[in-house]
C-alpha atoms as a PDB file:
ATOM      1  CA  MET A   1    -145.884 -22.137-117.299  1.00  0.00           C
ATOM      2  CA  ILE A   2    -144.600 -19.061-115.907  1.00  0.00           C
ATOM      3  CA  LEU A   3    -142.078 -20.977-114.718  1.00  0.00           C
ATOM      4  CA  PHE A   4    -141.082 -22.204-117.806  1.00  0.00           C
ATOM      5  CA  GLY A   5    -141.623 -18.491-119.265  1.00  0.00           C
ATOM      6  CA  CYS A   6    -139.140 -16.848-116.459  1.00  0.00           C
ATOM      7  CA  SER A   7    -137.034 -19.879-117.266  1.00  0.00           C
ATOM      8  CA  SER A   8    -136.512 -18.783-120.555  1.00  0.00           C
ATOM      9  CA  GLY A   9    -136.482 -14.787-119.954  1.00  0.00           C
ATOM     10  CA  GLU A  10    -133.520 -15.726-117.775  1.00  0.00           C
ATOM     11  CA  SER A  11    -131.671 -17.856-120.522  1.00  0.00           C
ATOM     12  CA  LYS A  12    -131.975 -14.922-123.070  1.00  0.00           C
ATOM     13  CA  SER A  13    -130.894 -12.093-120.502  1.00  0.00           C
ATOM     14  CA  GLU A  14    -127.738 -14.667-120.029  1.00  0.00           C
ATOM     15  CA  GLN A  15    -126.557 -15.293-123.223  1.00  0.00           C
ATOM     16  CA  ALA A  16    -126.955 -11.314-124.400  1.00  0.00           C
ATOM     17  CA  SER A  17    -124.852 -10.226-121.072  1.00  0.00           C
ATOM     18  CA  ASP A  18    -122.458 -12.320-122.686  1.00  0.00           C
ATOM     19  CA  SER A  19    -123.115 -11.389-126.195  1.00  0.00           C
ATOM     20  CA  ALA A  20    -122.217  -8.278-124.650  1.00  0.00           C
ATOM     21  CA  GLY A  21    -118.769  -9.362-122.683  1.00  0.00           C
ATOM     22  CA  LYS A  22    -117.858 -11.001-125.567  1.00  0.00           C
ATOM     23  CA  SER A  23    -118.314  -8.034-128.056  1.00  0.00           C
ATOM     24  CA  GLU A  24    -116.924  -5.896-124.966  1.00  0.00           C
ATOM     25  CA  SER A  25    -113.984  -8.516-124.987  1.00  0.00           C
ATOM     26  CA  SER A  26    -113.260  -8.038-128.665  1.00  0.00           C
ATOM     27  CA  TYR A  27    -112.842  -4.241-127.872  1.00  0.00           C
ATOM     28  CA  GLU A  28    -110.529  -4.092-124.715  1.00  0.00           C
ATOM     29  CA  LYS A  29    -108.178  -6.609-127.365  1.00  0.00           C
ATOM     30  CA  ALA A  30    -108.318  -4.298-130.331  1.00  0.00           C
ATOM     31  CA  GLU A  31    -107.131  -1.710-128.291  1.00  0.00           C
ATOM     32  CA  SER A  32    -105.084  -3.350-125.993  1.00  0.00           C
ATOM     33  CA  ALA A  33    -103.274  -4.678-128.974  1.00  0.00           C
ATOM     34  CA  ALA A  34    -100.028  -2.777-129.725  1.00  0.00           C
ATOM     35  CA  GLU A  35     -99.700  -2.571-126.209  1.00  0.00           C
ATOM     36  CA  SER A  36     -99.750  -6.792-125.851  1.00  0.00           C
ATOM     37  CA  ALA A  37     -97.601  -6.729-128.415  1.00  0.00           C
ATOM     38  CA  GLU A  38     -94.994  -4.022-127.877  1.00  0.00           C
ATOM     39  CA  GLN A  39     -94.394  -5.395-124.427  1.00  0.00           C
ATOM     40  CA  ASP A  40     -93.765  -9.069-125.511  1.00  0.00           C
ATOM     41  CA  ALA A  41     -91.164  -8.365-129.081  1.00  0.00           C
ATOM     42  CA  GLU A  42     -89.354  -6.509-126.563  1.00  0.00           C
ATOM     43  CA  SER A  43     -89.481  -8.905-124.060  1.00  0.00           C
ATOM     44  CA  GLU A  44     -87.923 -11.207-126.495  1.00  0.00           C
ATOM     45  CA  ILE A  45     -85.277  -8.612-127.920  1.00  0.00           C
ATOM     46  CA  SER A  46     -84.063  -7.577-125.239  1.00  0.00           C
ATOM     47  CA  SER A  47     -81.820 -10.033-124.290  1.00  0.00           C
ATOM     48  CA  GLY A  48     -80.301 -10.282-127.867  1.00  0.00           C
ATOM     49  CA  GLY A  49     -80.018  -5.708-127.211  1.00  0.00           C
ATOM     50  CA  ASN A  50     -78.006  -6.255-124.214  1.00  0.00           C
ATOM     51  CA  GLU A  51     -75.680  -8.942-125.506  1.00  0.00           C
ATOM     52  CA  ALA A  52     -75.469  -6.858-128.688  1.00  0.00           C
ATOM     53  CA  LYS A  53     -74.808  -3.089-126.858  1.00  0.00           C
ATOM     54  CA  GLY A  54     -71.996  -5.125-124.319  1.00  0.00           C
ATOM     55  CA  ALA A  55     -70.241  -6.710-127.574  1.00  0.00           C
ATOM     56  CA  ASP A  56     -69.988  -3.136-128.962  1.00  0.00           C
ATOM     57  CA  GLN A  57     -68.931  -1.264-125.533  1.00  0.00           C
ATOM     58  CA  SER A  58     -65.953  -4.140-125.781  1.00  0.00           C
ATOM     59  CA  THR A  59     -64.548  -3.413-128.871  1.00  0.00           C
ATOM     60  CA  ALA A  60     -63.058  -0.121-129.747  1.00  0.00           C
ATOM     61  CA  ALA A  61     -62.456  -0.359-132.866  1.00  0.00           C
ATOM     62  CA  ASP A  62     -66.272  -1.085-133.064  1.00  0.00           C
ATOM     63  CA  ARG A  63     -66.989   2.192-131.731  1.00  0.00           C
ATOM     64  CA  MET A  64     -69.525   4.316-133.593  1.00  0.00           C
ATOM     65  CA  VAL A  65     -67.323   7.913-133.686  1.00  0.00           C
ATOM     66  CA  ILE A  66     -68.486  11.138-135.141  1.00  0.00           C
ATOM     67  CA  TYR A  67     -65.626  12.986-135.939  1.00  0.00           C
ATOM     68  CA  ASN A  68     -65.113  16.886-136.870  1.00  0.00           C
ATOM     69  CA  ALA A  69     -61.456  18.755-137.701  1.00  0.00           C
ATOM     70  CA  GLU A  70     -60.963  22.287-138.339  1.00  0.00           C
ATOM     71  CA  LEU A  71     -57.984  23.513-139.291  1.00  0.00           C
ATOM     72  CA  ASP A  72     -56.770  27.067-140.235  1.00  0.00           C
ATOM     73  CA  LEU A  73     -54.054  26.939-142.535  1.00  0.00           C
ATOM     74  CA  ARG A  74     -51.329  29.688-144.274  1.00  0.00           C
ATOM     75  CA  VAL A  75     -50.383  29.178-147.774  1.00  0.00           C
ATOM     76  CA  LYS A  76     -48.504  30.880-150.086  1.00  0.00           C
ATOM     77  CA  ASP A  77     -50.682  30.734-153.342  1.00  0.00           C
ATOM     78  CA  PHE A  78     -54.831  30.095-152.391  1.00  0.00           C
ATOM     79  CA  MET A  79     -55.329  29.075-155.142  1.00  0.00           C
ATOM     80  CA  LYS A  80     -53.210  26.258-155.708  1.00  0.00           C
ATOM     81  CA  ALA A  81     -54.538  24.596-152.112  1.00  0.00           C
ATOM     82  CA  GLN A  82     -57.735  25.366-152.688  1.00  0.00           C
ATOM     83  CA  THR A  83     -56.824  22.814-155.567  1.00  0.00           C
ATOM     84  CA  ALA A  84     -55.461  20.372-153.872  1.00  0.00           C
ATOM     85  CA  LEU A  85     -56.968  20.459-151.081  1.00  0.00           C
ATOM     86  CA  GLU A  86     -60.152  19.149-153.749  1.00  0.00           C
ATOM     87  CA  SER A  87     -58.312  16.902-155.463  1.00  0.00           C
ATOM     88  CA  LYS A  88     -56.915  15.145-152.437  1.00  0.00           C
ATOM     89  CA  ALA A  89     -60.464  15.175-151.462  1.00  0.00           C
ATOM     90  CA  ALA A  90     -61.383  13.408-154.356  1.00  0.00           C
ATOM     91  CA  GLN A  91     -58.786  10.991-153.780  1.00  0.00           C
ATOM     92  CA  TYR A  92     -59.455   9.970-150.777  1.00  0.00           C
ATOM     93  CA  GLY A  93     -63.444   9.380-152.084  1.00  0.00           C
ATOM     94  CA  GLY A  94     -65.016  12.744-150.110  1.00  0.00           C
ATOM     95  CA  PHE A  95     -66.268  15.407-151.735  1.00  0.00           C
ATOM     96  CA  ILE A  96     -66.963  19.795-150.874  1.00  0.00           C
ATOM     97  CA  VAL A  97     -70.079  20.334-149.228  1.00  0.00           C
ATOM     98  CA  GLU A  98     -69.060  24.270-148.922  1.00  0.00           C
ATOM     99  CA  SER A  99     -66.461  26.717-151.115  1.00  0.00           C
ATOM    100  CA  SER A 100     -66.306  30.448-150.487  1.00  0.00           C
ATOM    101  CA  SER A 101     -63.493  32.662-150.671  1.00  0.00           C
ATOM    102  CA  TYR A 102     -62.973  36.366-150.684  1.00  0.00           C
ATOM    103  CA  ARG A 103     -59.667  39.344-150.990  1.00  0.00           C
ATOM    104  CA  ASP A 104     -59.010  41.479-148.316  1.00  0.00           C
ATOM    105  CA  ASP A 105     -57.628  45.467-149.055  1.00  0.00           C
ATOM    106  CA  GLU A 106     -53.930  44.248-149.506  1.00  0.00           C
ATOM    107  CA  ARG A 107     -55.726  42.101-152.820  1.00  0.00           C
ATOM    108  CA  GLN A 108     -54.586  38.622-150.384  1.00  0.00           C
ATOM    109  CA  LEU A 109     -56.759  35.475-150.768  1.00  0.00           C
ATOM    110  CA  SER A 110     -58.629  33.349-147.533  1.00  0.00           C
ATOM    111  CA  GLY A 111     -61.468  31.176-147.504  1.00  0.00           C
ATOM    112  CA  THR A 112     -63.103  28.270-146.220  1.00  0.00           C
ATOM    113  CA  LEU A 113     -63.742  24.988-147.481  1.00  0.00           C
ATOM    114  CA  VAL A 114     -66.222  21.885-145.801  1.00  0.00           C
ATOM    115  CA  ILE A 115     -65.288  18.934-146.840  1.00  0.00           C
ATOM    116  CA  ARG A 116     -66.970  15.460-145.875  1.00  0.00           C
ATOM    117  CA  ILE A 117     -63.810  12.804-145.819  1.00  0.00           C
ATOM    118  CA  PRO A 118     -64.413   9.300-145.617  1.00  0.00           C
ATOM    119  CA  GLN A 119     -63.724   7.724-141.819  1.00  0.00           C
ATOM    120  CA  LYS A 120     -60.825   5.953-142.452  1.00  0.00           C
ATOM    121  CA  ASN A 121     -58.891   8.039-144.775  1.00  0.00           C
ATOM    122  CA  PHE A 122     -59.966  11.584-141.884  1.00  0.00           C
ATOM    123  CA  ASN A 123     -56.016  11.276-140.408  1.00  0.00           C
ATOM    124  CA  GLN A 124     -54.053  10.737-143.271  1.00  0.00           C
ATOM    125  CA  PHE A 125     -56.796  13.780-145.356  1.00  0.00           C
ATOM    126  CA  LEU A 126     -55.458  15.934-141.938  1.00  0.00           C
ATOM    127  CA  ASN A 127     -52.211  14.919-142.228  1.00  0.00           C
ATOM    128  CA  ASP A 128     -51.958  15.817-146.491  1.00  0.00           C
ATOM    129  CA  ALA A 129     -54.066  19.109-145.634  1.00  0.00           C
ATOM    130  CA  GLU A 130     -51.542  20.078-143.594  1.00  0.00           C
ATOM    131  CA  GLY A 131     -49.048  19.410-146.420  1.00  0.00           C
ATOM    132  CA  THR A 132     -49.958  22.134-148.113  1.00  0.00           C
ATOM    133  CA  ALA A 133     -49.913  24.754-146.179  1.00  0.00           C
ATOM    134  CA  SER A 134     -46.472  27.060-145.066  1.00  0.00           C
ATOM    135  CA  LYS A 135     -47.394  27.711-141.714  1.00  0.00           C
ATOM    136  CA  VAL A 136     -50.508  25.713-139.163  1.00  0.00           C
ATOM    137  CA  ASP A 137     -52.008  27.921-136.796  1.00  0.00           C
ATOM    138  CA  ASN A 138     -55.167  26.265-135.387  1.00  0.00           C
ATOM    139  CA  ARG A 139     -55.524  21.873-135.474  1.00  0.00           C
ATOM    140  CA  HIS A 140     -58.830  21.097-133.618  1.00  0.00           C
ATOM    141  CA  VAL A 141     -59.984  17.590-133.489  1.00  0.00           C
ATOM    142  CA  SER A 142     -63.308  16.398-132.212  1.00  0.00           C
ATOM    143  CA  GLY A 143     -65.226  12.979-131.544  1.00  0.00           C
ATOM    144  CA  GLN A 144     -68.528  12.197-130.188  1.00  0.00           C
ATOM    145  CA  ASP A 145     -69.812   8.627-129.707  1.00  0.00           C
ATOM    146  CA  VAL A 146     -72.186   7.601-130.750  1.00  0.00           C
ATOM    147  CA  THR A 147     -72.508   4.001-129.768  1.00  0.00           C
ATOM    148  CA  GLU A 148     -74.529   3.725-126.977  1.00  0.00           C
ATOM    149  CA  GLU A 149     -77.582   5.366-128.881  1.00  0.00           C
ATOM    150  CA  TYR A 150     -76.719   3.942-131.831  1.00  0.00           C
ATOM    151  CA  VAL A 151     -77.656   0.670-130.445  1.00  0.00           C
ATOM    152  CA  ASP A 152     -80.639   1.614-128.545  1.00  0.00           C
ATOM    153  CA  LEU A 153     -82.059   3.395-132.012  1.00  0.00           C
ATOM    154  CA  GLU A 154     -81.559  -0.128-133.481  1.00  0.00           C
ATOM    155  CA  SER A 155     -82.806  -2.050-130.484  1.00  0.00           C
ATOM    156  CA  ARG A 156     -85.636  -0.173-130.895  1.00  0.00           C
ATOM    157  CA  LEU A 157     -86.590  -0.654-133.931  1.00  0.00           C
ATOM    158  CA  ARG A 158     -86.356  -4.092-133.854  1.00  0.00           C
ATOM    159  CA  SER A 159     -88.954  -3.869-130.894  1.00  0.00           C
ATOM    160  CA  LYS A 160     -90.985  -2.153-133.437  1.00  0.00           C
ATOM    161  CA  ARG A 161     -91.093  -3.816-136.414  1.00  0.00           C
ATOM    162  CA  VAL A 162     -91.937  -7.316-134.526  1.00  0.00           C
ATOM    163  CA  VAL A 163     -94.470  -5.096-132.950  1.00  0.00           C
ATOM    164  CA  GLU A 164     -95.724  -4.245-136.229  1.00  0.00           C
ATOM    165  CA  GLU A 165     -96.178  -7.451-137.903  1.00  0.00           C
ATOM    166  CA  ARG A 166     -98.484  -8.563-134.817  1.00  0.00           C
ATOM    167  CA  LEU A 167    -100.473  -5.423-135.381  1.00  0.00           C
ATOM    168  CA  ILE A 168    -100.911  -6.715-139.179  1.00  0.00           C
ATOM    169  CA  SER A 169    -101.649  -9.969-137.741  1.00  0.00           C
ATOM    170  CA  PHE A 170    -103.970  -9.142-135.347  1.00  0.00           C
ATOM    171  CA  MET A 171    -105.682  -7.032-138.469  1.00  0.00           C
ATOM    172  CA  GLU A 172    -105.472 -10.144-140.535  1.00  0.00           C
ATOM    173  CA  LYS A 173    -108.361 -11.558-137.588  1.00  0.00           C
ATOM    174  CA  ALA A 174    -110.284  -8.628-137.050  1.00  0.00           C
ATOM    175  CA  GLU A 175    -113.961  -9.343-136.804  1.00  0.00           C
ATOM    176  CA  LYS A 176    -115.766  -6.211-135.894  1.00  0.00           C
ATOM    177  CA  THR A 177    -115.146  -3.130-137.773  1.00  0.00           C
ATOM    178  CA  GLU A 178    -114.299  -1.301-134.239  1.00  0.00           C
ATOM    179  CA  ASP A 179    -111.336  -3.272-133.747  1.00  0.00           C
ATOM    180  CA  LEU A 180    -110.497  -3.355-136.996  1.00  0.00           C
ATOM    181  CA  LEU A 181    -109.946   0.610-136.941  1.00  0.00           C
ATOM    182  CA  LYS A 182    -108.379   0.081-133.577  1.00  0.00           C
ATOM    183  CA  ILE A 183    -105.271  -1.748-134.770  1.00  0.00           C
ATOM    184  CA  SER A 184    -105.417   0.236-138.036  1.00  0.00           C
ATOM    185  CA  GLN A 185    -104.674   3.966-135.547  1.00  0.00           C
ATOM    186  CA  ASP A 186    -101.465   2.044-133.778  1.00  0.00           C
ATOM    187  CA  LEU A 187     -99.846   0.028-136.534  1.00  0.00           C
ATOM    188  CA  ALA A 188    -100.105   3.780-138.092  1.00  0.00           C
ATOM    189  CA  GLY A 189     -98.969   5.383-135.265  1.00  0.00           C
ATOM    190  CA  ILE A 190     -95.490   1.915-135.035  1.00  0.00           C
ATOM    191  CA  GLN A 191     -95.098   2.610-138.739  1.00  0.00           C
ATOM    192  CA  GLU A 192     -94.262   6.124-137.902  1.00  0.00           C
ATOM    193  CA  GLU A 193     -92.313   5.873-135.356  1.00  0.00           C
ATOM    194  CA  ILE A 194     -90.372   2.957-137.247  1.00  0.00           C
ATOM    195  CA  GLU A 195     -89.588   6.083-139.743  1.00  0.00           C
ATOM    196  CA  GLN A 196     -88.094   8.219-136.814  1.00  0.00           C
ATOM    197  CA  LEU A 197     -85.358   5.163-135.875  1.00  0.00           C
ATOM    198  CA  ALA A 198     -84.692   3.920-139.079  1.00  0.00           C
ATOM    199  CA  GLY A 199     -84.538   8.323-140.230  1.00  0.00           C
ATOM    200  CA  ARG A 200     -81.437   8.165-137.150  1.00  0.00           C
ATOM    201  CA  ILE A 201     -80.439   5.505-137.594  1.00  0.00           C
ATOM    202  CA  ASN A 202     -79.497   5.874-141.064  1.00  0.00           C
ATOM    203  CA  TYR A 203     -78.080   9.870-140.345  1.00  0.00           C
ATOM    204  CA  LEU A 204     -75.530   8.112-136.877  1.00  0.00           C
ATOM    205  CA  LYS A 205     -74.455   6.259-139.624  1.00  0.00           C
ATOM    206  CA  ASN A 206     -74.177   8.274-142.259  1.00  0.00           C
ATOM    207  CA  GLN A 207     -72.256  11.179-140.050  1.00  0.00           C
ATOM    208  CA  THR A 208     -70.069   8.002-138.711  1.00  0.00           C
ATOM    209  CA  ASP A 209     -69.135   6.846-142.215  1.00  0.00           C
ATOM    210  CA  PHE A 210     -68.066  10.352-143.117  1.00  0.00           C
ATOM    211  CA  SER A 211     -66.442  13.074-141.333  1.00  0.00           C
ATOM    212  CA  THR A 212     -66.304  16.695-141.057  1.00  0.00           C
ATOM    213  CA  VAL A 213     -63.603  18.740-142.028  1.00  0.00           C
ATOM    214  CA  THR A 214     -62.920  22.792-142.401  1.00  0.00           C
ATOM    215  CA  VAL A 215     -60.454  23.782-143.689  1.00  0.00           C
ATOM    216  CA  SER A 216     -59.633  27.534-143.689  1.00  0.00           C
ATOM    217  CA  LEU A 217     -56.804  29.392-145.597  1.00  0.00           C
ATOM    218  CA  TYR A 218     -55.202  32.359-145.752  1.00  0.00           C
ATOM    219  CA  GLU A 219     -52.815  33.413-148.581  1.00  0.00           C
ATOM    220  CA  ASP A 220     -49.568  34.615-146.286  1.00  0.00           C
ATOM    221  CA  GLN A 221     -47.369  36.577-149.250  1.00  0.00           C
ATOM    222  CA  THR A 222     -43.415  37.005-148.277  1.00  0.00           C
ATOM    223  CA  PRO A 223     -43.386  40.808-146.552  1.00  0.00           C
ATOM    224  CA  SER A 224     -41.328  43.513-149.177  1.00  0.00           C
ATOM    225  CA  ILE A 225     -38.341  44.866-146.992  1.00  0.00           C
ATOM    226  CA  ASP A 226     -38.732  48.370-148.883  1.00  0.00           C
ATOM    227  CA  LYS A 227     -41.428  49.141-151.512  1.00  0.00           C
ATOM    228  CA  THR A 228     -39.695  52.314-152.647  1.00  0.00           C
ATOM    229  CA  ASP A 229     -36.539  49.547-153.025  1.00  0.00           C
ATOM    230  CA  LEU A 230     -38.035  47.584-154.850  1.00  0.00           C
ATOM    231  CA  LYS A 231     -39.710  50.009-157.701  1.00  0.00           C
ATOM    232  CA  THR A 232     -36.187  49.933-159.372  1.00  0.00           C
ATOM    233  CA  TRP A 233     -37.383  49.206-162.337  1.00  0.00           C
ATOM    234  CA  GLU A 234     -41.426  50.656-162.338  1.00  0.00           C
ATOM    235  CA  ARG A 235     -39.584  54.066-161.624  1.00  0.00           C
ATOM    236  CA  THR A 236     -36.887  53.188-164.757  1.00  0.00           C
ATOM    237  CA  LYS A 237     -40.236  52.112-166.925  1.00  0.00           C
ATOM    238  CA  GLU A 238     -41.191  55.517-165.974  1.00  0.00           C
ATOM    239  CA  GLN A 239     -38.973  57.749-166.998  1.00  0.00           C
ATOM    240  CA  PHE A 240     -38.433  56.031-170.009  1.00  0.00           C
ATOM    241  CA  THR A 241     -42.254  56.667-170.990  1.00  0.00           C
ATOM    242  CA  GLU A 242     -41.400  59.798-169.918  1.00  0.00           C
ATOM    243  CA  SER A 243     -38.887  61.183-172.251  1.00  0.00           C
ATOM    244  CA  LEU A 244     -40.439  59.043-175.041  1.00  0.00           C
ATOM    245  CA  SER A 245     -43.663  61.276-174.152  1.00  0.00           C
ATOM    246  CA  PHE A 246     -41.155  64.944-174.236  1.00  0.00           C
ATOM    247  CA  LEU A 247     -39.758  63.417-177.626  1.00  0.00           C
ATOM    248  CA  LEU A 248     -42.510  62.470-178.941  1.00  0.00           C
ATOM    249  CA  SER A 249     -44.436  65.907-178.114  1.00  0.00           C
ATOM    250  CA  ALA A 250     -41.244  68.172-179.693  1.00  0.00           C
ATOM    251  CA  PHE A 251     -41.365  66.756-182.698  1.00  0.00           C
ATOM    252  CA  SER A 252     -44.873  67.198-182.276  1.00  0.00           C
ATOM    253  CA  GLY A 253     -44.953  70.258-182.180  1.00  0.00           C
ATOM    254  CA  LEU A 254     -42.111  71.049-184.152  1.00  0.00           C
ATOM    255  CA  PHE A 255     -44.010  69.245-187.608  1.00  0.00           C
ATOM    256  CA  VAL A 256     -47.449  71.175-186.117  1.00  0.00           C
ATOM    257  CA  PHE A 257     -45.337  74.930-186.578  1.00  0.00           C
ATOM    258  CA  VAL A 258     -44.620  73.528-190.021  1.00  0.00           C
ATOM    259  CA  ALA A 259     -47.710  72.700-191.677  1.00  0.00           C
ATOM    260  CA  GLY A 260     -49.369  75.552-189.623  1.00  0.00           C
ATOM    261  CA  ASN A 261     -46.493  77.807-191.583  1.00  0.00           C
ATOM    262  CA  LEU A 262     -45.965  76.201-194.139  1.00  0.00           C
ATOM    263  CA  PRO A 263     -47.008  79.447-196.697  1.00  0.00           C
ATOM    264  CA  VAL A 264     -44.829  82.154-195.285  1.00  0.00           C
ATOM    265  CA  LEU A 265     -41.617  79.575-195.231  1.00  0.00           C
ATOM    266  CA  MET A 266     -42.442  78.825-198.986  1.00  0.00           C
ATOM    267  CA  LEU A 267     -42.787  83.326-199.448  1.00  0.00           C
ATOM    268  CA  LEU A 268     -39.814  83.276-197.292  1.00  0.00           C
ATOM    269  CA  GLY A 269     -37.769  80.297-199.384  1.00  0.00           C
ATOM    270  CA  VAL A 270     -38.462  82.337-202.720  1.00  0.00           C
ATOM    271  CA  ILE A 271     -37.469  85.595-201.092  1.00  0.00           C
ATOM    272  CA  GLY A 272     -34.020  83.626-199.949  1.00  0.00           C
ATOM    273  CA  VAL A 273     -33.727  81.708-203.755  1.00  0.00           C
ATOM    274  CA  ILE A 274     -34.071  85.243-205.430  1.00  0.00           C
ATOM    275  CA  CYS A 275     -31.291  86.830-202.815  1.00  0.00           C
ATOM    276  CA  TYR A 276     -28.808  84.420-202.789  1.00  0.00           C
ATOM    277  CA  ILE A 277     -29.207  84.206-207.144  1.00  0.00           C
ATOM    278  CA  THR A 278     -28.362  88.126-207.657  1.00  0.00           C
ATOM    279  CA  TYR A 279     -25.694  88.107-205.259  1.00  0.00           C
ATOM    280  CA  ARG A 280     -24.284  85.624-206.502  1.00  0.00           C
ATOM    281  CA  LYS A 281     -24.539  87.904-209.927  1.00  0.00           C
ATOM    282  CA  TYR A 282     -23.688  91.056-208.260  1.00  0.00           C
ATOM    283  CA  ARG A 283     -19.991  88.911-207.072  1.00  0.00           C
ATOM    284  CA  GLN A 284     -19.663  87.514-210.581  1.00  0.00           C
ATOM    285  CA  LYS A 285     -19.508  91.025-212.524  1.00  0.00           C
ATOM    286  CA  LYS A 286     -17.738  93.073-209.481  1.00  0.00           C
ATOM    287  CA  ASP A 287     -15.022  89.623-209.272  1.00  0.00           C
ATOM    288  CA  SER A 288     -15.092  89.512-213.639  1.00  0.00           C
END
């Protein structure tokens, strides 16, 4: 009886130990689920990622380059040049990001246009933009190769998506609440990383699909030979205006004088008429 009791006690102890071991094993499995899944995923796609990178590096035409250009152009007519550039941008499938203009002390217009142009039309647009200028003061073109970063991001994104799928699979098979919570936390972290990687990939793709061109326009009017010599017409108009003003002033003064002294003038007129009539009668009597 004593031996049986001891044996029974030992059996229960072993069962409890096995149960605790299973519980601990299940928790550890949930805790390391993301790590093991990510390692497996990276192992599966590593060869494919290396092949993609090598293929991309071997083809220059497929490389992803962010192009930027700066143009300083002198133009005869600012508004016409600005309109022409906006029209060309629309023609090539581009768009205006920023536009500004101002007028200096000499009443000449200047301004800046920031334009996004599809990369395939980048060089042609630069040539057309220079064609609107009377003089090109500056042309600067730069490029940033982001091919390796883009390929690396795509590889990492594929890896994270595989991890996401496996974590979802682990979650569906989880039996314990603590395991489910742990896997959910790992899944949320992986999904956040996926969003960040996808956002960066989309940004690089947009920057390489469209190039940025910053055009500074300066209105360059032809300098005058001598401003005093080129004011003949202005001086003629000024002299004509002064002469006309003098005549109007004279007639105005005469009118004011006559209208203001009309009673006196009428009296003098009557006296003059009487004197004239008296003088004629006197001459007639003298002649007879």
